[in-house]
């Protein structure tokens, strides 16, 4: 690592700590030439493979922006969107792959969004799964109803 002050190539690590919930490592470094200290942060890049064949770095903010559009006009807070974005990122990173297809990210969004807001889920799913007819919506709504009935406790 090059010293940002004197450009010396020989710096040493004084301390290392996990940062950003373990997604990065923060290192405190010292330069033996100028004796100044500085901090660096290392992150592992997660790449997203799009259908077009292009790859780009994973972006939690893009996840949140897409879900925010589906939640427009719904009683969903920014904090809830941030938590959903974090859950999706943790699920995707938890797979341990350096490159993830965009399709898998969409699948990782559907579950948490369904729990957050069913209407927003239907909006997102209709675009993501390319609904083409009213029957597609009816089928998805039937699945939501069945899950709701199954999740009710006996005796309700």
N, C-alpha and C. Protein backbone atom coordinates (compact mmCIF):
# COMPACT_ATOMS: atom_id res chain seq x y z
N UNK A 1 0.85 -1.18 0.00
CA UNK A 1 0.00 0.00 0.00
C UNK A 1 0.89 1.24 0.00
N UNK A 2 0.60 2.14 -0.87
CA UNK A 2 1.38 3.37 -1.00
C UNK A 2 0.88 4.41 -0.01
N UNK A 3 1.82 5.11 0.65
CA UNK A 3 1.48 6.18 1.58
C UNK A 3 0.86 7.34 0.80
N UNK A 4 -0.32 7.84 1.21
CA UNK A 4 -0.94 8.94 0.48
C UNK A 4 -0.22 10.28 0.69
N UNK A 5 0.68 10.36 1.67
CA UNK A 5 1.37 11.61 1.97
C UNK A 5 2.71 11.73 1.26
N UNK A 6 3.53 10.67 1.34
CA UNK A 6 4.87 10.75 0.75
C UNK A 6 5.08 9.76 -0.39
N UNK A 7 4.08 8.96 -0.72
CA UNK A 7 4.12 7.98 -1.80
C UNK A 7 5.07 6.81 -1.56
N UNK A 8 5.56 6.65 -0.33
CA UNK A 8 6.42 5.52 0.01
C UNK A 8 5.62 4.23 -0.18
N UNK A 9 6.25 3.22 -0.78
CA UNK A 9 5.56 1.96 -1.07
C UNK A 9 5.54 1.01 0.12
N UNK A 10 6.33 1.28 1.14
CA UNK A 10 6.46 0.35 2.27
C UNK A 10 5.71 0.89 3.48
N UNK A 11 4.44 0.50 3.64
CA UNK A 11 3.67 0.89 4.82
C UNK A 11 3.38 -0.36 5.64
N UNK A 12 3.06 -0.16 6.90
CA UNK A 12 2.76 -1.33 7.73
C UNK A 12 1.40 -1.17 8.38
N UNK A 13 0.76 -2.32 8.62
CA UNK A 13 -0.56 -2.36 9.23
C UNK A 13 -0.40 -2.34 10.74
N UNK A 14 -1.08 -1.40 11.39
CA UNK A 14 -1.05 -1.30 12.85
C UNK A 14 -2.24 -2.05 13.46
N UNK A 15 -3.41 -1.93 12.82
CA UNK A 15 -4.62 -2.53 13.37
C UNK A 15 -5.57 -2.87 12.22
N UNK A 16 -6.29 -3.98 12.36
CA UNK A 16 -7.31 -4.38 11.38
C UNK A 16 -8.61 -4.69 12.11
N UNK A 17 -9.71 -4.21 11.54
CA UNK A 17 -11.03 -4.45 12.14
C UNK A 17 -12.07 -4.67 11.05
N UNK A 18 -13.06 -5.47 11.38
CA UNK A 18 -14.18 -5.66 10.46
C UNK A 18 -15.02 -4.38 10.44
N UNK A 19 -15.54 -4.07 9.27
CA UNK A 19 -16.39 -2.88 9.12
C UNK A 19 -17.60 -3.26 8.27
N UNK A 20 -18.61 -2.41 8.29
CA UNK A 20 -19.83 -2.61 7.50
C UNK A 20 -20.40 -4.01 7.66
N UNK A 21 -20.63 -4.39 8.89
CA UNK A 21 -21.21 -5.69 9.24
C UNK A 21 -20.42 -6.86 8.65
N UNK A 22 -19.10 -6.73 8.61
CA UNK A 22 -18.25 -7.81 8.14
C UNK A 22 -18.01 -7.82 6.64
N UNK A 23 -18.62 -6.89 5.90
CA UNK A 23 -18.45 -6.85 4.45
C UNK A 23 -17.15 -6.17 4.03
N UNK A 24 -16.46 -5.56 4.99
CA UNK A 24 -15.22 -4.85 4.67
C UNK A 24 -14.24 -4.97 5.83
N UNK A 25 -12.98 -4.66 5.56
CA UNK A 25 -11.94 -4.64 6.59
C UNK A 25 -11.33 -3.25 6.60
N UNK A 26 -11.30 -2.65 7.77
CA UNK A 26 -10.68 -1.34 7.94
C UNK A 26 -9.30 -1.57 8.54
N UNK A 27 -8.29 -0.97 7.93
CA UNK A 27 -6.91 -1.13 8.41
C UNK A 27 -6.33 0.23 8.75
N UNK A 28 -5.71 0.30 9.90
CA UNK A 28 -4.95 1.50 10.30
C UNK A 28 -3.51 1.22 9.92
N UNK A 29 -2.90 2.12 9.16
CA UNK A 29 -1.56 1.92 8.64
C UNK A 29 -0.64 3.05 9.07
N UNK A 30 0.67 2.73 9.04
CA UNK A 30 1.69 3.71 9.39
C UNK A 30 2.77 3.67 8.31
N UNK A 31 3.30 4.84 8.00
CA UNK A 31 4.38 4.94 7.02
C UNK A 31 5.70 5.13 7.76
N UNK A 32 6.67 4.23 7.58
CA UNK A 32 7.95 4.39 8.26
C UNK A 32 8.78 5.56 7.72
N UNK A 33 8.52 6.01 6.52
CA UNK A 33 9.29 7.12 5.95
C UNK A 33 8.89 8.47 6.51
N UNK A 34 7.58 8.78 6.49
CA UNK A 34 7.13 10.10 6.96
C UNK A 34 6.48 10.02 8.35
N UNK A 35 6.31 8.80 8.86
CA UNK A 35 5.75 8.53 10.19
C UNK A 35 4.31 9.01 10.36
N UNK A 36 3.60 9.18 9.26
CA UNK A 36 2.19 9.56 9.35
C UNK A 36 1.33 8.31 9.31
N UNK A 37 0.11 8.45 9.82
CA UNK A 37 -0.83 7.34 9.86
C UNK A 37 -2.02 7.64 8.96
N UNK A 38 -2.61 6.57 8.44
CA UNK A 38 -3.81 6.70 7.60
C UNK A 38 -4.62 5.42 7.67
N UNK A 39 -5.85 5.49 7.24
CA UNK A 39 -6.77 4.35 7.29
C UNK A 39 -7.15 3.94 5.87
N UNK A 40 -7.20 2.63 5.65
CA UNK A 40 -7.68 2.11 4.37
C UNK A 40 -8.85 1.18 4.65
N UNK A 41 -9.65 0.97 3.64
CA UNK A 41 -10.78 0.05 3.78
C UNK A 41 -10.78 -0.88 2.58
N UNK A 42 -10.88 -2.17 2.84
CA UNK A 42 -10.89 -3.17 1.78
C UNK A 42 -12.26 -3.82 1.74
N UNK A 43 -12.82 -3.92 0.54
CA UNK A 43 -14.10 -4.60 0.37
C UNK A 43 -13.96 -5.61 -0.76
N UNK A 44 -14.75 -6.66 -0.67
CA UNK A 44 -14.79 -7.65 -1.72
C UNK A 44 -15.86 -7.22 -2.71
N UNK A 45 -15.51 -7.12 -3.97
CA UNK A 45 -16.47 -6.72 -4.98
C UNK A 45 -17.34 -7.90 -5.36
N UNK A 46 -18.63 -7.71 -5.28
CA UNK A 46 -19.59 -8.70 -5.74
C UNK A 46 -20.10 -8.19 -7.09
N UNK A 47 -19.97 -8.99 -8.11
CA UNK A 47 -20.37 -8.57 -9.45
C UNK A 47 -21.72 -9.19 -9.81
N UNK A 48 -22.49 -8.42 -10.56
CA UNK A 48 -23.81 -8.85 -11.02
C UNK A 48 -23.74 -9.07 -12.52
N UNK A 49 -24.13 -10.27 -12.96
CA UNK A 49 -24.16 -10.60 -14.39
C UNK A 49 -25.57 -10.34 -14.90
N UNK A 50 -25.69 -9.38 -15.79
CA UNK A 50 -26.99 -9.03 -16.35
C UNK A 50 -27.32 -9.92 -17.54
N UNK A 51 -28.59 -9.93 -17.93
CA UNK A 51 -29.02 -10.76 -19.06
C UNK A 51 -28.28 -10.41 -20.35
N UNK A 52 -27.90 -9.16 -20.50
CA UNK A 52 -27.21 -8.72 -21.72
C UNK A 52 -25.78 -9.24 -21.80
N UNK A 53 -25.30 -9.83 -20.69
CA UNK A 53 -23.92 -10.32 -20.65
C UNK A 53 -22.97 -9.35 -19.97
N UNK A 54 -23.42 -8.14 -19.72
CA UNK A 54 -22.62 -7.12 -19.04
C UNK A 54 -22.55 -7.44 -17.55
N UNK A 55 -21.39 -7.19 -16.93
CA UNK A 55 -21.30 -7.33 -15.48
C UNK A 55 -21.04 -5.96 -14.87
N UNK A 56 -21.58 -5.77 -13.67
CA UNK A 56 -21.37 -4.52 -12.95
C UNK A 56 -21.33 -4.82 -11.46
N UNK A 57 -20.73 -3.93 -10.67
CA UNK A 57 -20.66 -4.16 -9.23
C UNK A 57 -22.06 -4.15 -8.60
N UNK A 58 -22.26 -5.00 -7.60
CA UNK A 58 -23.53 -5.04 -6.86
C UNK A 58 -23.74 -3.69 -6.20
N UNK A 59 -24.99 -3.24 -6.19
CA UNK A 59 -25.32 -1.97 -5.58
C UNK A 59 -26.60 -2.11 -4.75
N UNK A 60 -26.44 -1.98 -3.43
CA UNK A 60 -27.61 -2.05 -2.56
C UNK A 60 -28.57 -0.91 -2.88
N UNK A 61 -28.03 0.24 -3.24
CA UNK A 61 -28.89 1.39 -3.54
C UNK A 61 -29.77 1.13 -4.77
N UNK A 62 -29.30 0.34 -5.73
CA UNK A 62 -30.13 0.00 -6.88
C UNK A 62 -31.28 -0.92 -6.46
N UNK A 63 -31.01 -1.80 -5.53
CA UNK A 63 -32.06 -2.69 -5.01
C UNK A 63 -33.13 -1.84 -4.34
N UNK A 64 -32.70 -0.94 -3.47
CA UNK A 64 -33.64 -0.09 -2.74
C UNK A 64 -34.44 0.79 -3.70
N UNK A 65 -33.79 1.34 -4.72
CA UNK A 65 -34.48 2.20 -5.68
C UNK A 65 -35.56 1.43 -6.44
N UNK A 66 -35.25 0.21 -6.83
CA UNK A 66 -36.24 -0.61 -7.54
C UNK A 66 -37.42 -0.97 -6.66
N UNK A 67 -37.13 -1.32 -5.43
CA UNK A 67 -38.21 -1.68 -4.50
C UNK A 67 -39.01 -0.43 -4.13
N UNK A 68 -38.33 0.71 -4.02
CA UNK A 68 -39.03 1.97 -3.69
C UNK A 68 -40.10 2.27 -4.74
N UNK A 69 -39.80 2.02 -6.02
CA UNK A 69 -40.79 2.24 -7.08
C UNK A 69 -42.00 1.34 -6.89
N UNK A 70 -41.76 0.09 -6.52
CA UNK A 70 -42.87 -0.84 -6.28
C UNK A 70 -43.69 -0.43 -5.06
N UNK A 71 -43.06 0.25 -4.11
CA UNK A 71 -43.72 0.65 -2.87
C UNK A 71 -44.34 2.04 -2.95
N UNK A 72 -44.25 2.68 -4.10
CA UNK A 72 -44.77 4.04 -4.23
C UNK A 72 -46.25 4.09 -3.85
N UNK A 73 -46.57 5.01 -2.93
CA UNK A 73 -47.94 5.15 -2.46
C UNK A 73 -48.34 4.17 -1.39
N UNK A 74 -47.44 3.33 -0.98
CA UNK A 74 -47.71 2.32 0.05
C UNK A 74 -47.11 2.80 1.37
N UNK A 75 -47.64 2.31 2.50
CA UNK A 75 -47.12 2.73 3.81
C UNK A 75 -45.82 1.99 4.19
N UNK A 76 -44.77 2.23 3.42
CA UNK A 76 -43.47 1.58 3.65
C UNK A 76 -42.46 2.68 3.93
N UNK A 77 -41.75 2.56 5.05
CA UNK A 77 -40.78 3.58 5.44
C UNK A 77 -39.43 3.37 4.77
N UNK A 78 -38.63 4.42 4.77
CA UNK A 78 -37.26 4.33 4.24
C UNK A 78 -36.43 3.34 5.07
N UNK A 79 -36.69 3.30 6.38
CA UNK A 79 -35.97 2.34 7.23
C UNK A 79 -36.29 0.91 6.82
N UNK A 80 -37.56 0.64 6.51
CA UNK A 80 -37.95 -0.70 6.08
C UNK A 80 -37.28 -1.05 4.75
N UNK A 81 -37.17 -0.07 3.85
CA UNK A 81 -36.48 -0.31 2.58
C UNK A 81 -35.00 -0.60 2.81
N UNK A 82 -34.39 0.13 3.74
CA UNK A 82 -32.97 -0.09 4.05
C UNK A 82 -32.76 -1.49 4.62
N UNK A 83 -33.65 -1.92 5.49
CA UNK A 83 -33.54 -3.27 6.07
C UNK A 83 -33.71 -4.32 4.98
N UNK A 84 -34.67 -4.11 4.08
CA UNK A 84 -34.86 -5.04 2.98
C UNK A 84 -33.61 -5.10 2.11
N UNK A 85 -33.03 -3.95 1.80
CA UNK A 85 -31.80 -3.92 1.00
C UNK A 85 -30.67 -4.69 1.67
N UNK A 86 -30.56 -4.53 2.99
CA UNK A 86 -29.52 -5.25 3.73
C UNK A 86 -29.78 -6.75 3.70
N UNK A 87 -31.04 -7.16 3.89
CA UNK A 87 -31.38 -8.59 3.86
C UNK A 87 -31.05 -9.21 2.50
N UNK A 88 -31.38 -8.49 1.44
CA UNK A 88 -31.10 -8.99 0.09
C UNK A 88 -29.59 -9.11 -0.13
N UNK A 89 -28.85 -8.09 0.28
CA UNK A 89 -27.39 -8.14 0.10
C UNK A 89 -26.79 -9.29 0.90
N UNK A 90 -27.23 -9.48 2.13
CA UNK A 90 -26.72 -10.59 2.95
C UNK A 90 -27.04 -11.93 2.30
N UNK A 91 -28.23 -12.08 1.76
CA UNK A 91 -28.61 -13.34 1.11
C UNK A 91 -27.74 -13.59 -0.12
N UNK A 92 -27.51 -12.56 -0.91
CA UNK A 92 -26.72 -12.71 -2.13
C UNK A 92 -25.26 -12.99 -1.79
N UNK A 93 -24.70 -12.22 -0.85
CA UNK A 93 -23.31 -12.45 -0.45
C UNK A 93 -23.14 -13.79 0.24
N UNK A 94 -24.17 -14.25 0.93
CA UNK A 94 -24.13 -15.52 1.64
C UNK A 94 -23.97 -16.72 0.72
N UNK A 95 -24.24 -16.53 -0.55
CA UNK A 95 -24.06 -17.63 -1.51
C UNK A 95 -22.59 -17.91 -1.77
N UNK A 96 -21.74 -16.94 -1.47
CA UNK A 96 -20.30 -17.15 -1.58
C UNK A 96 -19.74 -17.05 -2.98
N UNK A 97 -20.54 -16.62 -3.93
CA UNK A 97 -20.05 -16.49 -5.30
C UNK A 97 -19.55 -15.07 -5.54
N UNK A 98 -18.55 -14.94 -6.39
CA UNK A 98 -18.00 -13.62 -6.72
C UNK A 98 -18.87 -12.91 -7.75
N UNK A 99 -19.64 -13.71 -8.52
CA UNK A 99 -20.52 -13.14 -9.54
C UNK A 99 -21.88 -13.80 -9.42
N UNK A 100 -22.93 -12.98 -9.40
CA UNK A 100 -24.29 -13.48 -9.21
C UNK A 100 -25.15 -13.01 -10.38
N UNK A 101 -25.94 -13.91 -10.96
CA UNK A 101 -26.85 -13.48 -12.02
C UNK A 101 -27.91 -12.51 -11.48
N UNK A 102 -28.27 -11.52 -12.27
CA UNK A 102 -29.27 -10.54 -11.86
C UNK A 102 -30.59 -11.22 -11.49
N UNK A 103 -30.89 -12.32 -12.16
CA UNK A 103 -32.12 -13.07 -11.89
C UNK A 103 -32.17 -13.54 -10.43
N UNK A 104 -31.03 -13.99 -9.90
CA UNK A 104 -30.99 -14.45 -8.51
C UNK A 104 -31.20 -13.31 -7.53
N UNK A 105 -30.78 -12.12 -7.89
CA UNK A 105 -31.01 -10.96 -7.03
C UNK A 105 -32.51 -10.66 -6.98
N UNK A 106 -33.16 -10.74 -8.14
CA UNK A 106 -34.61 -10.55 -8.18
C UNK A 106 -35.33 -11.55 -7.31
N UNK A 107 -34.90 -12.81 -7.35
CA UNK A 107 -35.51 -13.83 -6.51
C UNK A 107 -35.27 -13.54 -5.03
N UNK A 108 -34.09 -13.01 -4.70
CA UNK A 108 -33.77 -12.69 -3.32
C UNK A 108 -34.61 -11.51 -2.82
N UNK A 109 -35.08 -10.66 -3.71
CA UNK A 109 -35.92 -9.52 -3.34
C UNK A 109 -37.35 -9.97 -3.05
N UNK A 110 -37.86 -10.93 -3.81
CA UNK A 110 -39.27 -11.30 -3.73
C UNK A 110 -39.72 -11.71 -2.33
N UNK A 111 -38.94 -12.56 -1.65
CA UNK A 111 -39.35 -13.04 -0.32
C UNK A 111 -39.49 -11.92 0.70
N UNK A 112 -38.45 -11.12 0.92
CA UNK A 112 -38.57 -10.03 1.89
C UNK A 112 -39.62 -8.99 1.51
N UNK A 113 -39.79 -8.74 0.21
CA UNK A 113 -40.79 -7.77 -0.22
C UNK A 113 -42.19 -8.29 0.03
N UNK A 114 -42.38 -9.57 -0.15
CA UNK A 114 -43.69 -10.19 0.12
C UNK A 114 -44.07 -10.02 1.58
N UNK A 115 -43.08 -10.17 2.47
CA UNK A 115 -43.32 -9.98 3.91
C UNK A 115 -43.58 -8.52 4.24
N UNK A 116 -42.94 -7.61 3.51
CA UNK A 116 -43.04 -6.19 3.79
C UNK A 116 -44.39 -5.60 3.36
N UNK A 117 -44.80 -5.88 2.13
CA UNK A 117 -46.04 -5.29 1.61
C UNK A 117 -46.51 -6.13 0.42
N UNK A 118 -47.69 -6.72 0.53
CA UNK A 118 -48.18 -7.62 -0.52
C UNK A 118 -48.47 -6.89 -1.82
N UNK A 119 -48.98 -5.66 -1.74
CA UNK A 119 -49.28 -4.90 -2.96
C UNK A 119 -47.98 -4.55 -3.69
N UNK A 120 -46.99 -4.09 -2.94
CA UNK A 120 -45.70 -3.79 -3.55
C UNK A 120 -45.09 -5.05 -4.15
N UNK A 121 -45.26 -6.17 -3.45
CA UNK A 121 -44.77 -7.46 -3.96
C UNK A 121 -45.41 -7.78 -5.31
N UNK A 122 -46.74 -7.60 -5.41
CA UNK A 122 -47.43 -7.88 -6.67
C UNK A 122 -46.93 -6.97 -7.78
N UNK A 123 -46.71 -5.71 -7.46
CA UNK A 123 -46.19 -4.78 -8.47
C UNK A 123 -44.82 -5.24 -8.97
N UNK A 124 -43.94 -5.54 -8.02
CA UNK A 124 -42.58 -5.95 -8.37
C UNK A 124 -42.61 -7.27 -9.14
N UNK A 125 -43.38 -8.23 -8.64
CA UNK A 125 -43.45 -9.55 -9.28
C UNK A 125 -44.04 -9.44 -10.68
N UNK A 126 -44.99 -8.54 -10.88
CA UNK A 126 -45.61 -8.42 -12.20
C UNK A 126 -44.59 -7.97 -13.25
N UNK A 127 -43.67 -7.11 -12.85
CA UNK A 127 -42.63 -6.66 -13.77
C UNK A 127 -41.53 -7.71 -13.86
N UNK A 128 -41.09 -8.19 -12.70
CA UNK A 128 -39.98 -9.13 -12.65
C UNK A 128 -40.30 -10.44 -13.38
N UNK A 129 -41.51 -10.93 -13.16
CA UNK A 129 -41.91 -12.20 -13.78
C UNK A 129 -42.66 -12.00 -15.09
N UNK A 130 -42.74 -10.77 -15.56
CA UNK A 130 -43.37 -10.44 -16.84
C UNK A 130 -44.80 -10.97 -16.95
N UNK A 131 -45.65 -10.56 -16.00
CA UNK A 131 -47.05 -10.95 -16.07
C UNK A 131 -47.62 -10.44 -17.39
N UNK A 132 -48.41 -11.28 -18.05
CA UNK A 132 -48.97 -10.90 -19.34
C UNK A 132 -50.49 -10.86 -19.35
N UNK A 133 -51.11 -11.34 -18.27
CA UNK A 133 -52.57 -11.38 -18.27
C UNK A 133 -53.10 -11.25 -16.85
N UNK A 134 -54.40 -11.05 -16.78
CA UNK A 134 -55.08 -10.99 -15.49
C UNK A 134 -54.93 -12.33 -14.77
N UNK A 135 -54.88 -13.40 -15.53
CA UNK A 135 -54.73 -14.73 -14.92
C UNK A 135 -53.41 -14.85 -14.16
N UNK A 136 -52.36 -14.20 -14.67
CA UNK A 136 -51.08 -14.22 -13.96
C UNK A 136 -51.22 -13.57 -12.58
N UNK A 137 -51.94 -12.44 -12.54
CA UNK A 137 -52.18 -11.77 -11.26
C UNK A 137 -53.05 -12.63 -10.36
N UNK A 138 -54.10 -13.22 -10.93
CA UNK A 138 -54.99 -14.06 -10.14
C UNK A 138 -54.25 -15.24 -9.52
N UNK A 139 -53.37 -15.84 -10.30
CA UNK A 139 -52.59 -16.98 -9.81
C UNK A 139 -51.69 -16.54 -8.64
N UNK A 140 -51.05 -15.40 -8.77
CA UNK A 140 -50.16 -14.91 -7.71
C UNK A 140 -50.96 -14.52 -6.46
N UNK A 141 -52.11 -13.91 -6.65
CA UNK A 141 -52.96 -13.53 -5.51
C UNK A 141 -53.47 -14.78 -4.81
N UNK A 142 -53.82 -15.81 -5.57
CA UNK A 142 -54.25 -17.07 -4.96
C UNK A 142 -53.14 -17.66 -4.10
N UNK A 143 -51.90 -17.56 -4.57
CA UNK A 143 -50.77 -18.04 -3.77
C UNK A 143 -50.60 -17.24 -2.49
N UNK A 144 -50.79 -15.92 -2.57
CA UNK A 144 -50.71 -15.08 -1.36
C UNK A 144 -51.80 -15.47 -0.36
N UNK A 145 -53.01 -15.67 -0.86
CA UNK A 145 -54.12 -16.07 0.02
C UNK A 145 -53.86 -17.42 0.67
N UNK A 146 -53.37 -18.36 -0.11
CA UNK A 146 -53.09 -19.69 0.42
C UNK A 146 -52.03 -19.63 1.51
N UNK A 147 -51.01 -18.82 1.29
CA UNK A 147 -49.95 -18.67 2.31
C UNK A 147 -50.49 -18.01 3.56
N UNK A 148 -51.37 -17.03 3.40
CA UNK A 148 -51.96 -16.35 4.54
C UNK A 148 -52.80 -17.32 5.37
N UNK A 149 -53.59 -18.16 4.70
CA UNK A 149 -54.43 -19.14 5.40
C UNK A 149 -53.55 -20.17 6.11
N UNK A 150 -52.49 -20.61 5.43
CA UNK A 150 -51.59 -21.60 6.01
C UNK A 150 -50.84 -21.07 7.22
N UNK A 151 -50.58 -19.76 7.23
CA UNK A 151 -49.81 -19.19 8.34
C UNK A 151 -50.65 -18.86 9.55
N UNK A 152 -51.96 -18.85 9.40
CA UNK A 152 -52.84 -18.60 10.56
C UNK A 152 -52.75 -19.76 11.53
N UNK A 153 -52.79 -19.41 12.77
CA UNK A 153 -52.74 -20.46 13.81
C UNK A 153 -54.08 -21.16 13.89
N UNK A 154 -54.08 -22.44 14.23
CA UNK A 154 -55.34 -23.18 14.37
C UNK A 154 -56.21 -22.52 15.47
N UNK A 155 -57.51 -22.46 15.21
CA UNK A 155 -58.40 -21.91 16.22
C UNK A 155 -58.71 -20.45 16.00
N UNK A 156 -58.19 -19.84 14.95
CA UNK A 156 -58.48 -18.43 14.72
C UNK A 156 -59.81 -18.27 14.05
